[in-house]
Amino acid sequence: MLIKYKKSFEKIAMGLLSFMPDEKEVKKLQSTIKEYETNDQWRLFLWKEEDVLGAVGVRIEDDQKMIVQHISVTPSHRNQGIGKKMVQALKDQFGQEYLICANEKTENFVSHCEE
């Protein structure tokens, strides 16, 4: 289930985002999390089953596009379709309102999830 990020999930979210190639440094991660917390155009969601297993961060652009800029799944739960479920949940929840797109960092993963 896709849930909205809350401050109480900060450490989990930072751990998940740290799997993104450009988010390895703690200062960069802290900056990214702060952006999700303060910028209305940035939204972070977590994928929760029994535990939080993934994260997907989006940026609203032009009030028409939702750009997937971060997407990550815990290593022990990869290759189980969780990324695909997260992308599909975004489309189900926001597809009427926004065109769901990827950026250059997430397009390979997102296009793989859409296969």
PDB file of N, CA and C in Angstrom:
ATOM      1  N   MET A   1       0.838  -1.172   0.000  1.00  0.00           N
ATOM      2  CA  MET A   1       0.000   0.000   0.000  1.00  0.00           C
ATOM      3  C   MET A   1       0.890   1.244   0.000  1.00  0.00           C
ATOM      4  N   LEU A   2       0.552   2.199  -0.821  1.00  0.00           N
ATOM      5  CA  LEU A   2       1.278   3.465  -0.912  1.00  0.00           C
ATOM      6  C   LEU A   2       0.782   4.395   0.185  1.00  0.00           C
ATOM      7  N   ILE A   3       1.699   4.881   1.013  1.00  0.00           N
ATOM      8  CA  ILE A   3       1.335   5.819   2.080  1.00  0.00           C
ATOM      9  C   ILE A   3       2.177   7.078   1.953  1.00  0.00           C
ATOM     10  N   LYS A   4       1.610   8.202   2.396  1.00  0.00           N
ATOM     11  CA  LYS A   4       2.341   9.462   2.363  1.00  0.00           C
ATOM     12  C   LYS A   4       3.436   9.452   3.420  1.00  0.00           C
ATOM     13  N   TYR A   5       4.562  10.031   3.074  1.00  0.00           N
ATOM     14  CA  TYR A   5       5.676  10.177   4.008  1.00  0.00           C
ATOM     15  C   TYR A   5       5.260  11.045   5.182  1.00  0.00           C
ATOM     16  N   LYS A   6       5.686  10.642   6.360  1.00  0.00           N
ATOM     17  CA  LYS A   6       5.538  11.435   7.578  1.00  0.00           C
ATOM     18  C   LYS A   6       6.909  11.508   8.243  1.00  0.00           C
ATOM     19  N   LYS A   7       7.127  12.541   9.024  1.00  0.00           N
ATOM     20  CA  LYS A   7       8.403  12.757   9.708  1.00  0.00           C
ATOM     21  C   LYS A   7       8.818  11.533  10.530  1.00  0.00           C
ATOM     22  N   SER A   8       7.863  10.792  11.068  1.00  0.00           N
ATOM     23  CA  SER A   8       8.190   9.616  11.885  1.00  0.00           C
ATOM     24  C   SER A   8       8.863   8.513  11.065  1.00  0.00           C
ATOM     25  N   PHE A   9       8.761   8.590   9.738  1.00  0.00           N
ATOM     26  CA  PHE A   9       9.400   7.619   8.849  1.00  0.00           C
ATOM     27  C   PHE A   9      10.732   8.126   8.284  1.00  0.00           C
ATOM     28  N   GLU A  10      11.261   9.212   8.837  1.00  0.00           N
ATOM     29  CA  GLU A  10      12.437   9.855   8.257  1.00  0.00           C
ATOM     30  C   GLU A  10      13.623   8.902   8.095  1.00  0.00           C
ATOM     31  N   LYS A  11      13.977   8.149   9.128  1.00  0.00           N
ATOM     32  CA  LYS A  11      15.147   7.267   9.035  1.00  0.00           C
ATOM     33  C   LYS A  11      14.932   6.162   8.015  1.00  0.00           C
ATOM     34  N   ILE A  12      13.739   5.608   7.977  1.00  0.00           N
ATOM     35  CA  ILE A  12      13.425   4.563   6.991  1.00  0.00           C
ATOM     36  C   ILE A  12      13.519   5.143   5.588  1.00  0.00           C
ATOM     37  N   ALA A  13      12.928   6.331   5.387  1.00  0.00           N
ATOM     38  CA  ALA A  13      12.949   6.969   4.069  1.00  0.00           C
ATOM     39  C   ALA A  13      14.376   7.296   3.644  1.00  0.00           C
ATOM     40  N   MET A  14      15.178   7.793   4.559  1.00  0.00           N
ATOM     41  CA  MET A  14      16.574   8.107   4.227  1.00  0.00           C
ATOM     42  C   MET A  14      17.332   6.834   3.859  1.00  0.00           C
ATOM     43  N   GLY A  15      17.074   5.755   4.580  1.00  0.00           N
ATOM     44  CA  GLY A  15      17.713   4.482   4.256  1.00  0.00           C
ATOM     45  C   GLY A  15      17.351   4.010   2.862  1.00  0.00           C
ATOM     46  N   LEU A  16      16.077   4.111   2.514  1.00  0.00           N
ATOM     47  CA  LEU A  16      15.634   3.691   1.182  1.00  0.00           C
ATOM     48  C   LEU A  16      16.204   4.599   0.093  1.00  0.00           C
ATOM     49  N   LEU A  17      16.160   5.903   0.318  1.00  0.00           N
ATOM     50  CA  LEU A  17      16.681   6.838  -0.689  1.00  0.00           C
ATOM     51  C   LEU A  17      18.190   6.690  -0.862  1.00  0.00           C
ATOM     52  N   SER A  18      18.889   6.204   0.166  1.00  0.00           N
ATOM     53  CA  SER A  18      20.348   6.061   0.076  1.00  0.00           C
ATOM     54  C   SER A  18      20.750   5.019  -0.968  1.00  0.00           C
ATOM     55  N   PHE A  19      19.816   4.186  -1.423  1.00  0.00           N
ATOM     56  CA  PHE A  19      20.120   3.222  -2.485  1.00  0.00           C
ATOM     57  C   PHE A  19      20.164   3.877  -3.856  1.00  0.00           C
ATOM     58  N   MET A  20      19.664   5.115  -3.963  1.00  0.00           N
ATOM     59  CA  MET A  20      19.744   5.851  -5.223  1.00  0.00           C
ATOM     60  C   MET A  20      21.187   6.313  -5.414  1.00  0.00           C
ATOM     61  N   PRO A  21      21.735   6.180  -6.622  1.00  0.00           N
ATOM     62  CA  PRO A  21      23.153   6.512  -6.852  1.00  0.00           C
ATOM     63  C   PRO A  21      23.571   7.918  -6.402  1.00  0.00           C
ATOM     64  N   ASP A  22      22.718   8.915  -6.572  1.00  0.00           N
ATOM     65  CA  ASP A  22      23.096  10.288  -6.225  1.00  0.00           C
ATOM     66  C   ASP A  22      22.775  10.658  -4.783  1.00  0.00           C
ATOM     67  N   GLU A  23      22.303   9.714  -4.000  1.00  0.00           N
ATOM     68  CA  GLU A  23      21.860  10.015  -2.642  1.00  0.00           C
ATOM     69  C   GLU A  23      22.687   9.281  -1.580  1.00  0.00           C
ATOM     70  N   LYS A  24      23.941   9.018  -1.860  1.00  0.00           N
ATOM     71  CA  LYS A  24      24.782   8.242  -0.947  1.00  0.00           C
ATOM     72  C   LYS A  24      25.259   9.050   0.263  1.00  0.00           C
ATOM     73  N   GLU A  25      25.518  10.328   0.083  1.00  0.00           N
ATOM     74  CA  GLU A  25      26.063  11.155   1.155  1.00  0.00           C
ATOM     75  C   GLU A  25      24.957  11.608   2.109  1.00  0.00           C
ATOM     76  N   VAL A  26      25.269  11.600   3.410  1.00  0.00           N
ATOM     77  CA  VAL A  26      24.279  11.948   4.430  1.00  0.00           C
ATOM     78  C   VAL A  26      23.750  13.369   4.227  1.00  0.00           C
ATOM     79  N   LYS A  27      24.636  14.332   3.941  1.00  0.00           N
ATOM     80  CA  LYS A  27      24.190  15.713   3.750  1.00  0.00           C
ATOM     81  C   LYS A  27      23.233  15.834   2.564  1.00  0.00           C
ATOM     82  N   LYS A  28      23.506  15.112   1.493  1.00  0.00           N
ATOM     83  CA  LYS A  28      22.624  15.120   0.324  1.00  0.00           C
ATOM     84  C   LYS A  28      21.272  14.499   0.683  1.00  0.00           C
ATOM     85  N   LEU A  29      21.294  13.390   1.403  1.00  0.00           N
ATOM     86  CA  LEU A  29      20.052  12.746   1.842  1.00  0.00           C
ATOM     87  C   LEU A  29      19.223  13.672   2.719  1.00  0.00           C
ATOM     88  N   GLN A  30      19.879  14.330   3.665  1.00  0.00           N
ATOM     89  CA  GLN A  30      19.170  15.254   4.554  1.00  0.00           C
ATOM     90  C   GLN A  30      18.541  16.389   3.762  1.00  0.00           C
ATOM     91  N   SER A  31      19.260  16.889   2.785  1.00  0.00           N
ATOM     92  CA  SER A  31      18.747  17.954   1.934  1.00  0.00           C
ATOM     93  C   SER A  31      17.534  17.471   1.124  1.00  0.00           C
ATOM     94  N   THR A  32      17.626  16.262   0.599  1.00  0.00           N
ATOM     95  CA  THR A  32      16.522  15.703  -0.184  1.00  0.00           C
ATOM     96  C   THR A  32      15.282  15.515   0.683  1.00  0.00           C
ATOM     97  N   ILE A  33      15.457  14.955   1.863  1.00  0.00           N
ATOM     98  CA  ILE A  33      14.322  14.746   2.778  1.00  0.00           C
ATOM     99  C   ILE A  33      13.706  16.088   3.154  1.00  0.00           C
ATOM    100  N   LYS A  34      14.541  17.080   3.431  1.00  0.00           N
ATOM    101  CA  LYS A  34      14.031  18.409   3.779  1.00  0.00           C
ATOM    102  C   LYS A  34      13.202  18.984   2.628  1.00  0.00           C
ATOM    103  N   GLU A  35      13.659  18.764   1.405  1.00  0.00           N
ATOM    104  CA  GLU A  35      12.908  19.243   0.238  1.00  0.00           C
ATOM    105  C   GLU A  35      11.529  18.578   0.172  1.00  0.00           C
ATOM    106  N   TYR A  36      11.491  17.267   0.427  1.00  0.00           N
ATOM    107  CA  TYR A  36      10.202  16.568   0.434  1.00  0.00           C
ATOM    108  C   TYR A  36       9.288  17.073   1.549  1.00  0.00           C
ATOM    109  N   GLU A  37       9.872  17.479   2.660  1.00  0.00           N
ATOM    110  CA  GLU A  37       9.072  17.955   3.785  1.00  0.00           C
ATOM    111  C   GLU A  37       8.565  19.379   3.596  1.00  0.00           C
ATOM    112  N   THR A  38       9.284  20.192   2.827  1.00  0.00           N
ATOM    113  CA  THR A  38       8.953  21.619   2.763  1.00  0.00           C
ATOM    114  C   THR A  38       8.420  22.100   1.416  1.00  0.00           C
ATOM    115  N   ASN A  39       8.698  21.384   0.346  1.00  0.00           N
ATOM    116  CA  ASN A  39       8.298  21.829  -0.990  1.00  0.00           C
ATOM    117  C   ASN A  39       6.980  21.159  -1.383  1.00  0.00           C
ATOM    118  N   ASP A  40       5.949  21.949  -1.623  1.00  0.00           N
ATOM    119  CA  ASP A  40       4.634  21.412  -1.990  1.00  0.00           C
ATOM    120  C   ASP A  40       4.651  20.649  -3.315  1.00  0.00           C
ATOM    121  N   GLN A  41       5.642  20.926  -4.157  1.00  0.00           N
ATOM    122  CA  GLN A  41       5.728  20.258  -5.456  1.00  0.00           C
ATOM    123  C   GLN A  41       6.426  18.900  -5.370  1.00  0.00           C
ATOM    124  N   TRP A  42       7.056  18.611  -4.254  1.00  0.00           N
ATOM    125  CA  TRP A  42       7.756  17.340  -4.048  1.00  0.00           C
ATOM    126  C   TRP A  42       6.924  16.500  -3.085  1.00  0.00           C
ATOM    127  N   ARG A  43       6.695  15.244  -3.444  1.00  0.00           N
ATOM    128  CA  ARG A  43       5.914  14.348  -2.592  1.00  0.00           C
ATOM    129  C   ARG A  43       6.629  13.005  -2.488  1.00  0.00           C
ATOM    130  N   LEU A  44       6.724  12.519  -1.277  1.00  0.00           N
ATOM    131  CA  LEU A  44       7.385  11.243  -1.021  1.00  0.00           C
ATOM    132  C   LEU A  44       6.355  10.258  -0.483  1.00  0.00           C
ATOM    133  N   PHE A  45       6.376   9.063  -1.042  1.00  0.00           N
ATOM    134  CA  PHE A  45       5.469   7.998  -0.623  1.00  0.00           C
ATOM    135  C   PHE A  45       6.291   6.772  -0.258  1.00  0.00           C
ATOM    136  N   LEU A  46       5.774   6.006   0.671  1.00  0.00           N
ATOM    137  CA  LEU A  46       6.421   4.770   1.082  1.00  0.00           C
ATOM    138  C   LEU A  46       5.505   3.614   0.726  1.00  0.00           C
ATOM    139  N   TRP A  47       6.103   2.479   0.411  1.00  0.00           N
ATOM    140  CA  TRP A  47       5.332   1.270   0.120  1.00  0.00           C
ATOM    141  C   TRP A  47       5.372   0.405   1.366  1.00  0.00           C
ATOM    142  N   LYS A  48       4.194   0.171   1.927  1.00  0.00           N
ATOM    143  CA  LYS A  48       4.118  -0.584   3.167  1.00  0.00           C
ATOM    144  C   LYS A  48       3.278  -1.828   2.977  1.00  0.00           C
ATOM    145  N   GLU A  49       3.848  -2.941   3.345  1.00  0.00           N
ATOM    146  CA  GLU A  49       3.096  -4.181   3.449  1.00  0.00           C
ATOM    147  C   GLU A  49       3.055  -4.436   4.959  1.00  0.00           C
ATOM    148  N   GLU A  50       3.750  -5.428   5.473  1.00  0.00           N
ATOM    149  CA  GLU A  50       3.871  -5.518   6.932  1.00  0.00           C
ATOM    150  C   GLU A  50       4.895  -4.490   7.409  1.00  0.00           C
ATOM    151  N   ASP A  51       5.943  -4.320   6.639  1.00  0.00           N
ATOM    152  CA  ASP A  51       6.979  -3.325   6.909  1.00  0.00           C
ATOM    153  C   ASP A  51       7.044  -2.370   5.719  1.00  0.00           C
ATOM    154  N   VAL A  52       7.782  -1.283   5.885  1.00  0.00           N
ATOM    155  CA  VAL A  52       8.036  -0.377   4.768  1.00  0.00           C
ATOM    156  C   VAL A  52       9.118  -1.017   3.904  1.00  0.00           C
ATOM    157  N   LEU A  53       8.791  -1.256   2.637  1.00  0.00           N
ATOM    158  CA  LEU A  53       9.688  -1.976   1.737  1.00  0.00           C
ATOM    159  C   LEU A  53      10.232  -1.120   0.602  1.00  0.00           C
ATOM    160  N   GLY A  54       9.632   0.036   0.364  1.00  0.00           N
ATOM    161  CA  GLY A  54      10.067   0.856  -0.757  1.00  0.00           C
ATOM    162  C   GLY A  54       9.691   2.306  -0.573  1.00  0.00           C
ATOM    163  N   ALA A  55      10.258   3.137  -1.432  1.00  0.00           N
ATOM    164  CA  ALA A  55       9.963   4.569  -1.428  1.00  0.00           C
ATOM    165  C   ALA A  55       9.922   5.053  -2.868  1.00  0.00           C
ATOM    166  N   VAL A  56       9.023   5.984  -3.108  1.00  0.00           N
ATOM    167  CA  VAL A  56       8.956   6.628  -4.415  1.00  0.00           C
ATOM    168  C   VAL A  56       8.716   8.123  -4.181  1.00  0.00           C
ATOM    169  N   GLY A  57       9.591   8.931  -4.770  1.00  0.00           N
ATOM    170  CA  GLY A  57       9.489  10.377  -4.638  1.00  0.00           C
ATOM    171  C   GLY A  57       9.172  10.995  -5.984  1.00  0.00           C
ATOM    172  N   VAL A  58       8.239  11.932  -5.978  1.00  0.00           N
ATOM    173  CA  VAL A  58       7.808  12.573  -7.224  1.00  0.00           C
ATOM    174  C   VAL A  58       7.883  14.092  -7.083  1.00  0.00           C
ATOM    175  N   ARG A  59       7.939  14.719  -8.236  1.00  0.00           N
ATOM    176  CA  ARG A  59       7.913  16.189  -8.315  1.00  0.00           C
ATOM    177  C   ARG A  59       6.815  16.575  -9.283  1.00  0.00           C
ATOM    178  N   ILE A  60       5.954  17.489  -8.858  1.00  0.00           N
ATOM    179  CA  ILE A  60       4.880  17.972  -9.723  1.00  0.00           C
ATOM    180  C   ILE A  60       5.455  19.072 -10.611  1.00  0.00           C
ATOM    181  N   GLU A  61       5.239  18.928 -11.903  1.00  0.00           N
ATOM    182  CA  GLU A  61       5.761  19.889 -12.863  1.00  0.00           C
ATOM    183  C   GLU A  61       4.619  20.386 -13.739  1.00  0.00           C
ATOM    184  N   ASP A  62       4.473  21.677 -13.847  1.00  0.00           N
ATOM    185  CA  ASP A  62       3.472  22.304 -14.718  1.00  0.00           C
ATOM    186  C   ASP A  62       2.041  21.913 -14.375  1.00  0.00           C
ATOM    187  N   ASP A  63       1.783  21.451 -13.175  1.00  0.00           N
ATOM    188  CA  ASP A  63       0.448  20.991 -12.766  1.00  0.00           C
ATOM    189  C   ASP A  63      -0.146  19.966 -13.721  1.00  0.00           C
ATOM    190  N   GLN A  64       0.693  19.342 -14.542  1.00  0.00           N
ATOM    191  CA  GLN A  64       0.220  18.345 -15.500  1.00  0.00           C
ATOM    192  C   GLN A  64       1.021  17.056 -15.412  1.00  0.00           C
ATOM    193  N   LYS A  65       2.287  17.166 -15.019  1.00  0.00           N
ATOM    194  CA  LYS A  65       3.165  16.002 -14.974  1.00  0.00           C
ATOM    195  C   LYS A  65       3.593  15.714 -13.551  1.00  0.00           C
ATOM    196  N   MET A  66       3.689  14.430 -13.253  1.00  0.00           N
ATOM    197  CA  MET A  66       4.260  13.967 -11.995  1.00  0.00           C
ATOM    198  C   MET A  66       5.508  13.180 -12.391  1.00  0.00           C
ATOM    199  N   ILE A  67       6.668  13.729 -12.052  1.00  0.00           N
ATOM    200  CA  ILE A  67       7.948  13.130 -12.430  1.00  0.00           C
ATOM    201  C   ILE A  67       8.454  12.250 -11.293  1.00  0.00           C
ATOM    202  N   VAL A  68       8.685  10.977 -11.579  1.00  0.00           N
ATOM    203  CA  VAL A  68       9.281  10.079 -10.596  1.00  0.00           C
ATOM    204  C   VAL A  68      10.771  10.397 -10.560  1.00  0.00           C
ATOM    205  N   GLN A  69      11.228  10.942  -9.420  1.00  0.00           N
ATOM    206  CA  GLN A  69      12.628  11.324  -9.327  1.00  0.00           C
ATOM    207  C   GLN A  69      13.426  10.426  -8.390  1.00  0.00           C
ATOM    208  N   HIS A  70      12.764   9.686  -7.542  1.00  0.00           N
ATOM    209  CA  HIS A  70      13.403   8.691  -6.678  1.00  0.00           C
ATOM    210  C   HIS A  70      12.506   7.462  -6.619  1.00  0.00           C
ATOM    211  N   ILE A  71      13.098   6.292  -6.707  1.00  0.00           N
ATOM    212  CA  ILE A  71      12.349   5.053  -6.491  1.00  0.00           C
ATOM    213  C   ILE A  71      13.341   3.997  -6.016  1.00  0.00           C
ATOM    214  N   SER A  72      12.969   3.322  -4.941  1.00  0.00           N
ATOM    215  CA  SER A  72      13.892   2.382  -4.329  1.00  0.00           C
ATOM    216  C   SER A  72      13.118   1.315  -3.561  1.00  0.00           C
ATOM    217  N   VAL A  73      13.676   0.116  -3.556  1.00  0.00           N
ATOM    218  CA  VAL A  73      13.110  -1.012  -2.819  1.00  0.00           C
ATOM    219  C   VAL A  73      14.228  -1.607  -1.971  1.00  0.00           C
ATOM    220  N   THR A  74      13.890  -2.062  -0.767  1.00  0.00           N
ATOM    221  CA  THR A  74      14.909  -2.684   0.082  1.00  0.00           C
ATOM    222  C   THR A  74      15.544  -3.844  -0.672  1.00  0.00           C
ATOM    223  N   PRO A  75      16.858  -4.017  -0.547  1.00  0.00           N
ATOM    224  CA  PRO A  75      17.544  -5.079  -1.291  1.00  0.00           C
ATOM    225  C   PRO A  75      16.954  -6.474  -1.072  1.00  0.00           C
ATOM    226  N   SER A  76      16.516  -6.776   0.123  1.00  0.00           N
ATOM    227  CA  SER A  76      15.991  -8.120   0.400  1.00  0.00           C
ATOM    228  C   SER A  76      14.612  -8.369  -0.218  1.00  0.00           C
ATOM    229  N   HIS A  77      13.987  -7.318  -0.754  1.00  0.00           N
ATOM    230  CA  HIS A  77      12.662  -7.465  -1.365  1.00  0.00           C
ATOM    231  C   HIS A  77      12.661  -7.095  -2.853  1.00  0.00           C
ATOM    232  N   ARG A  78      13.821  -6.982  -3.445  1.00  0.00           N
ATOM    233  CA  ARG A  78      13.891  -6.651  -4.873  1.00  0.00           C
ATOM    234  C   ARG A  78      13.489  -7.852  -5.719  1.00  0.00           C
ATOM    235  N   ASN A  79      13.138  -7.574  -6.947  1.00  0.00           N
ATOM    236  CA  ASN A  79      12.717  -8.591  -7.920  1.00  0.00           C
ATOM    237  C   ASN A  79      11.461  -9.333  -7.477  1.00  0.00           C
ATOM    238  N   GLN A  80      10.617  -8.649  -6.713  1.00  0.00           N
ATOM    239  CA  GLN A  80       9.349  -9.230  -6.277  1.00  0.00           C
ATOM    240  C   GLN A  80       8.163  -8.401  -6.761  1.00  0.00           C
ATOM    241  N   GLY A  81       8.425  -7.441  -7.640  1.00  0.00           N
ATOM    242  CA  GLY A  81       7.344  -6.645  -8.213  1.00  0.00           C
ATOM    243  C   GLY A  81       6.919  -5.444  -7.390  1.00  0.00           C
ATOM    244  N   ILE A  82       7.672  -5.094  -6.352  1.00  0.00           N
ATOM    245  CA  ILE A  82       7.282  -3.969  -5.499  1.00  0.00           C
ATOM    246  C   ILE A  82       7.414  -2.641  -6.249  1.00  0.00           C
ATOM    247  N   GLY A  83       8.475  -2.478  -7.016  1.00  0.00           N
ATOM    248  CA  GLY A  83       8.626  -1.256  -7.816  1.00  0.00           C
ATOM    249  C   GLY A  83       7.465  -1.097  -8.780  1.00  0.00           C
ATOM    250  N   LYS A  84       7.089  -2.183  -9.410  1.00  0.00           N
ATOM    251  CA  LYS A  84       5.961  -2.176 -10.342  1.00  0.00           C
ATOM    252  C   LYS A  84       4.671  -1.785  -9.609  1.00  0.00           C
ATOM    253  N   LYS A  85       4.490  -2.321  -8.405  1.00  0.00           N
ATOM    254  CA  LYS A  85       3.297  -1.980  -7.610  1.00  0.00           C
ATOM    255  C   LYS A  85       3.283  -0.500  -7.246  1.00  0.00           C
ATOM    256  N   MET A  86       4.462   0.055  -6.920  1.00  0.00           N
ATOM    257  CA  MET A  86       4.520   1.474  -6.560  1.00  0.00           C
ATOM    258  C   MET A  86       4.162   2.360  -7.751  1.00  0.00           C
ATOM    259  N   VAL A  87       4.724   2.043  -8.916  1.00  0.00           N
ATOM    260  CA  VAL A  87       4.419   2.832 -10.121  1.00  0.00           C
ATOM    261  C   VAL A  87       2.934   2.713 -10.458  1.00  0.00           C
ATOM    262  N   GLN A  88       2.394   1.516 -10.366  1.00  0.00           N
ATOM    263  CA  GLN A  88       0.975   1.321 -10.659  1.00  0.00           C
ATOM    264  C   GLN A  88       0.093   2.062  -9.651  1.00  0.00           C
ATOM    265  N   ALA A  89       0.480   2.052  -8.381  1.00  0.00           N
ATOM    266  CA  ALA A  89      -0.283   2.764  -7.357  1.00  0.00           C
ATOM    267  C   ALA A  89      -0.289   4.269  -7.622  1.00  0.00           C
ATOM    268  N   LEU A  90       0.847   4.815  -8.080  1.00  0.00           N
ATOM    269  CA  LEU A  90       0.885   6.238  -8.456  1.00  0.00           C
ATOM    270  C   LEU A  90      -0.100   6.509  -9.583  1.00  0.00           C
ATOM    271  N   LYS A  91      -0.097   5.632 -10.582  1.00  0.00           N
ATOM    272  CA  LYS A  91      -1.006   5.814 -11.721  1.00  0.00           C
ATOM    273  C   LYS A  91      -2.459   5.692 -11.278  1.00  0.00           C
ATOM    274  N   ASP A  92      -2.742   4.726 -10.421  1.00  0.00           N
ATOM    275  CA  ASP A  92      -4.108   4.548  -9.936  1.00  0.00           C
ATOM    276  C   ASP A  92      -4.573   5.756  -9.131  1.00  0.00           C
ATOM    277  N   GLN A  93      -3.681   6.290  -8.305  1.00  0.00           N
ATOM    278  CA  GLN A  93      -4.047   7.378  -7.410  1.00  0.00           C
ATOM    279  C   GLN A  93      -4.019   8.745  -8.089  1.00  0.00           C
ATOM    280  N   PHE A  94      -3.080   8.947  -9.014  1.00  0.00           N
ATOM    281  CA  PHE A  94      -2.884  10.285  -9.586  1.00  0.00           C
ATOM    282  C   PHE A  94      -3.007  10.346 -11.105  1.00  0.00           C
ATOM    283  N   GLY A  95      -3.225   9.217 -11.754  1.00  0.00           N
ATOM    284  CA  GLY A  95      -3.228   9.155 -13.209  1.00  0.00           C
ATOM    285  C   GLY A  95      -4.297   9.996 -13.894  1.00  0.00           C
ATOM    286  N   GLN A  96      -5.385  10.254 -13.204  1.00  0.00           N
ATOM    287  CA  GLN A  96      -6.426  11.115 -13.782  1.00  0.00           C
ATOM    288  C   GLN A  96      -5.994  12.582 -13.772  1.00  0.00           C
ATOM    289  N   GLU A  97      -5.178  12.912 -12.798  1.00  0.00           N
ATOM    290  CA  GLU A  97      -4.771  14.299 -12.587  1.00  0.00           C
ATOM    291  C   GLU A  97      -3.451  14.647 -13.271  1.00  0.00           C
ATOM    292  N   TYR A  98      -2.524  13.678 -13.312  1.00  0.00           N
ATOM    293  CA  TYR A  98      -1.186  13.928 -13.832  1.00  0.00           C
ATOM    294  C   TYR A  98      -0.748  12.835 -14.801  1.00  0.00           C
ATOM    295  N   LEU A  99       0.116  13.225 -15.720  1.00  0.00           N
ATOM    296  CA  LEU A  99       0.836  12.264 -16.540  1.00  0.00           C
ATOM    297  C   LEU A  99       2.035  11.820 -15.704  1.00  0.00           C
ATOM    298  N   ILE A 100       2.146  10.523 -15.436  1.00  0.00           N
ATOM    299  CA  ILE A 100       3.246  10.002 -14.625  1.00  0.00           C
ATOM    300  C   ILE A 100       4.437   9.742 -15.549  1.00  0.00           C
ATOM    301  N   CYS A 101       5.554  10.411 -15.276  1.00  0.00           N
ATOM    302  CA  CYS A 101       6.759  10.314 -16.106  1.00  0.00           C
ATOM    303  C   CYS A 101       7.961   9.991 -15.221  1.00  0.00           C
ATOM    304  N   ALA A 102       9.061   9.667 -15.866  1.00  0.00           N
ATOM    305  CA  ALA A 102      10.313   9.428 -15.158  1.00  0.00           C
ATOM    306  C   ALA A 102      11.316  10.497 -15.567  1.00  0.00           C
ATOM    307  N   ASN A 103      12.359  10.665 -14.762  1.00  0.00           N
ATOM    308  CA  ASN A 103      13.462  11.524 -15.179  1.00  0.00           C
ATOM    309  C   ASN A 103      14.606  10.630 -15.649  1.00  0.00           C
ATOM    310  N   GLU A 104      15.734  11.234 -15.990  1.00  0.00           N
ATOM    311  CA  GLU A 104      16.852  10.455 -16.537  1.00  0.00           C
ATOM    312  C   GLU A 104      17.395   9.448 -15.523  1.00  0.00           C
ATOM    313  N   LYS A 105      17.251   9.722 -14.241  1.00  0.00           N
ATOM    314  CA  LYS A 105      17.767   8.811 -13.211  1.00  0.00           C
ATOM    315  C   LYS A 105      16.842   7.625 -12.957  1.00  0.00           C
ATOM    316  N   THR A 106      15.567   7.799 -13.237  1.00  0.00           N
ATOM    317  CA  THR A 106      14.597   6.744 -12.909  1.00  0.00           C
ATOM    318  C   THR A 106      13.966   6.090 -14.134  1.00  0.00           C
ATOM    319  N   GLU A 107      14.258   6.588 -15.343  1.00  0.00           N
ATOM    320  CA  GLU A 107      13.522   6.102 -16.503  1.00  0.00           C
ATOM    321  C   GLU A 107      13.751   4.612 -16.798  1.00  0.00           C
ATOM    322  N   ASN A 108      14.960   4.099 -16.581  1.00  0.00           N
ATOM    323  CA  ASN A 108      15.191   2.670 -16.823  1.00  0.00           C
ATOM    324  C   ASN A 108      14.354   1.821 -15.885  1.00  0.00           C
ATOM    325  N   PHE A 109      14.336   2.197 -14.612  1.00  0.00           N
ATOM    326  CA  PHE A 109      13.581   1.434 -13.624  1.00  0.00           C
ATOM    327  C   PHE A 109      12.083   1.554 -13.883  1.00  0.00           C
ATOM    328  N   VAL A 110      11.604   2.765 -14.116  1.00  0.00           N
ATOM    329  CA  VAL A 110      10.178   2.972 -14.333  1.00  0.00           C
ATOM    330  C   VAL A 110       9.713   2.276 -15.606  1.00  0.00           C
ATOM    331  N   SER A 111      10.488   2.358 -16.676  1.00  0.00           N
ATOM    332  CA  SER A 111      10.078   1.683 -17.909  1.00  0.00           C
ATOM    333  C   SER A 111      10.082   0.167 -17.708  1.00  0.00           C
ATOM    334  N   HIS A 112      11.010  -0.345 -16.920  1.00  0.00           N
ATOM    335  CA  HIS A 112      11.031  -1.786 -16.597  1.00  0.00           C
ATOM    336  C   HIS A 112       9.772  -2.155 -15.794  1.00  0.00           C
ATOM    337  N   CYS A 113       9.332  -1.276 -14.900  1.00  0.00           N
ATOM    338  CA  CYS A 113       8.129  -1.529 -14.100  1.00  0.00           C
ATOM    339  C   CYS A 113       6.868  -1.524 -14.946  1.00  0.00           C
ATOM    340  N   GLU A 114       6.899  -0.834 -16.077  1.00  0.00           N
ATOM    341  CA  GLU A 114       5.716  -0.730 -16.924  1.00  0.00           C
ATOM    342  C   GLU A 114       5.605  -1.874 -17.920  1.00  0.00           C
ATOM    343  N   GLU A 115       6.608  -2.751 -17.974  1.00  0.00           N
ATOM    344  CA  GLU A 115       6.580  -3.871 -18.931  1.00  0.00           C
ATOM    345  C   GLU A 115       5.583  -4.923 -18.494  1.00  0.00           C
TER     346      GLU A 115
END
